[in-house]
Amino acid sequence: MAPRAATSATALPEHGQHRPTDGEGESEGEGAVAQSLITDDAAYLSRLHLILGHLEVGVSLYRKGHTAAALTHMKHPADELYSALIPAIAARGVTGFDGQLEAPAQAVAGGADAEASTLYGAAARVELAAGAL
């Protein structure tokens, strides 16, 4: 499905206006967050589902013609959420999925269908990582 021009004058909130309280971001102590993701199953699952939620919101925004906002939401998991998960994923013996996280944003940036297999491939890898518990 190709993006369509936004028809509403309603402004979308900036993506940076929401921030989880689990220490996301460079100034919040990423080392401590990465360690807690290794030992705390709830924090690990929360981070995985935060990634999945961003991808789902990205698709919804794309369907409504908000391509720039969709791209922001699809880039966020790979750019800001995934790096702290890498040690936790490795500790659970799961194969990383950074390449699959980049594919949905690349599809949207290239004007391709955001609902294509790239999104579902990323979502499936998130679910596999969650199933490692």
Protein backbone atom coordinates (compact mmCIF):
# COMPACT_ATOMS: atom_id res chain seq x y z
CA MET A 1 0.00 0.00 0.00
CA ALA A 2 1.49 3.31 -1.05
CA PRO A 3 1.43 6.17 1.44
CA ARG A 4 -1.18 8.81 0.89
CA ALA A 5 -0.95 12.43 1.77
CA ALA A 6 -2.17 13.34 5.22
CA THR A 7 -5.53 15.03 4.98
CA SER A 8 -5.94 16.14 8.55
CA ALA A 9 -4.67 19.34 10.02
CA THR A 10 -4.16 17.51 13.31
CA ALA A 11 -0.50 17.54 14.21
CA LEU A 12 1.09 14.35 15.39
CA PRO A 13 3.05 14.57 18.64
CA GLU A 14 6.78 14.40 18.32
CA HIS A 15 8.16 10.92 18.90
CA GLY A 16 10.56 12.13 21.58
CA GLN A 17 7.65 13.18 23.79
CA HIS A 18 7.28 9.65 25.07
CA ARG A 19 10.07 8.03 26.97
CA PRO A 20 9.91 4.80 28.94
CA THR A 21 11.18 4.92 32.49
CA ASP A 22 13.50 1.94 32.07
CA GLY A 23 16.52 4.06 31.28
CA GLU A 24 16.17 4.39 27.52
CA GLY A 25 18.63 6.84 26.08
CA GLU A 26 22.28 7.64 26.42
CA SER A 27 21.99 9.89 29.45
CA GLU A 28 20.06 7.32 31.46
CA GLY A 29 22.85 4.81 32.14
CA GLU A 30 22.64 2.29 29.31
CA GLY A 31 25.13 -0.05 30.99
CA ALA A 32 22.85 -0.52 33.98
CA VAL A 33 19.85 -1.02 31.71
CA ALA A 34 21.70 -3.65 29.63
CA GLN A 35 22.62 -5.50 32.82
CA SER A 36 19.05 -5.44 34.12
CA LEU A 37 17.82 -6.80 30.77
CA ILE A 38 20.12 -9.81 31.25
CA THR A 39 18.86 -10.64 34.73
CA ASP A 40 15.30 -9.32 34.79
CA ASP A 41 12.93 -11.29 32.55
CA ALA A 42 10.17 -8.69 32.89
CA ALA A 43 12.50 -5.89 31.75
CA TYR A 44 13.69 -8.06 28.86
CA LEU A 45 10.13 -8.81 27.73
CA SER A 46 9.11 -5.17 28.18
CA ARG A 47 11.93 -4.00 25.93
CA LEU A 48 11.08 -6.62 23.28
CA HIS A 49 7.44 -5.58 23.29
CA LEU A 50 8.37 -1.89 23.19
CA ILE A 51 10.20 -2.72 19.95
CA LEU A 52 7.20 -4.62 18.63
CA GLY A 53 4.86 -1.76 19.58
CA HIS A 54 6.98 0.76 17.69
CA LEU A 55 6.79 -1.39 14.57
CA GLU A 56 3.01 -1.78 14.89
CA VAL A 57 2.51 1.96 15.42
CA GLY A 58 4.76 2.61 12.43
CA VAL A 59 2.49 0.48 10.22
CA SER A 60 -0.60 2.24 11.52
CA LEU A 61 0.90 5.67 10.82
CA TYR A 62 2.00 4.55 7.37
CA ARG A 63 -1.50 3.31 6.55
CA LYS A 64 -2.87 6.74 7.50
CA GLY A 65 -0.38 8.51 5.25
CA HIS A 66 1.95 9.82 7.95
CA THR A 67 5.09 8.52 6.30
CA ALA A 68 7.60 10.66 8.24
CA ALA A 69 6.11 9.67 11.60
CA ALA A 70 5.96 6.03 10.48
CA LEU A 71 9.62 6.14 9.56
CA THR A 72 10.53 7.63 12.93
CA HIS A 73 8.70 4.85 14.77
CA MET A 74 10.20 2.14 12.59
CA LYS A 75 13.73 3.48 12.98
CA HIS A 76 13.52 3.90 16.74
CA PRO A 77 13.86 0.20 17.67
CA ALA A 78 17.11 -0.26 15.75
CA ASP A 79 18.48 3.20 16.59
CA GLU A 80 17.72 3.37 20.31
CA LEU A 81 16.11 0.27 21.81
CA TYR A 82 17.95 -2.73 20.42
CA SER A 83 21.55 -2.04 21.52
CA ALA A 84 20.82 -2.55 25.22
CA LEU A 85 19.17 -5.88 24.36
CA ILE A 86 22.20 -7.37 22.60
CA PRO A 87 23.86 -8.77 25.77
CA ALA A 88 20.51 -10.06 27.08
CA ILE A 89 19.74 -11.79 23.78
CA ALA A 90 23.18 -13.39 23.73
CA ALA A 91 22.84 -14.48 27.38
CA ARG A 92 19.65 -16.33 26.44
CA GLY A 93 21.28 -18.02 23.45
CA VAL A 94 19.08 -16.25 20.91
CA THR A 95 20.33 -15.06 17.53
CA GLY A 96 20.29 -11.29 17.19
CA PHE A 97 17.91 -9.59 14.78
CA ASP A 98 19.28 -6.11 14.13
CA GLY A 99 19.10 -6.63 10.36
CA GLN A 100 15.42 -7.49 10.54
CA LEU A 101 14.77 -4.36 12.62
CA GLU A 102 16.28 -2.12 9.96
CA ALA A 103 14.26 -3.63 7.10
CA PRO A 104 10.84 -2.05 7.88
CA ALA A 105 12.32 1.46 8.07
CA GLN A 106 14.24 0.87 4.85
CA ALA A 107 11.03 -0.31 3.16
CA VAL A 108 9.14 2.82 4.24
CA ALA A 109 12.02 5.11 3.30
CA GLY A 110 12.10 3.51 -0.15
CA GLY A 111 8.34 3.90 -0.61
CA ALA A 112 7.69 0.17 -0.31
CA ASP A 113 4.79 -1.43 1.48
CA ALA A 114 5.34 -1.16 5.24
CA GLU A 115 3.19 -4.21 5.74
CA ALA A 116 5.40 -6.45 3.64
CA SER A 117 7.33 -9.42 4.96
CA THR A 118 10.03 -7.12 6.37
CA LEU A 119 7.77 -6.06 9.22
CA TYR A 120 6.56 -9.55 9.94
CA GLY A 121 10.10 -10.90 9.79
CA ALA A 122 11.12 -8.40 12.47
CA ALA A 123 8.05 -9.17 14.56
CA ALA A 124 8.71 -12.90 14.31
CA ARG A 125 12.28 -12.41 15.54
CA VAL A 126 11.05 -10.37 18.51
CA GLU A 127 8.66 -13.19 19.38
CA LEU A 128 11.45 -15.78 19.10
CA ALA A 129 13.60 -13.70 21.44
CA ALA A 130 10.71 -13.52 23.91
CA GLY A 131 10.21 -17.28 23.66
CA ALA A 132 13.74 -17.85 24.95
CA LEU A 133 12.54 -17.49 28.54
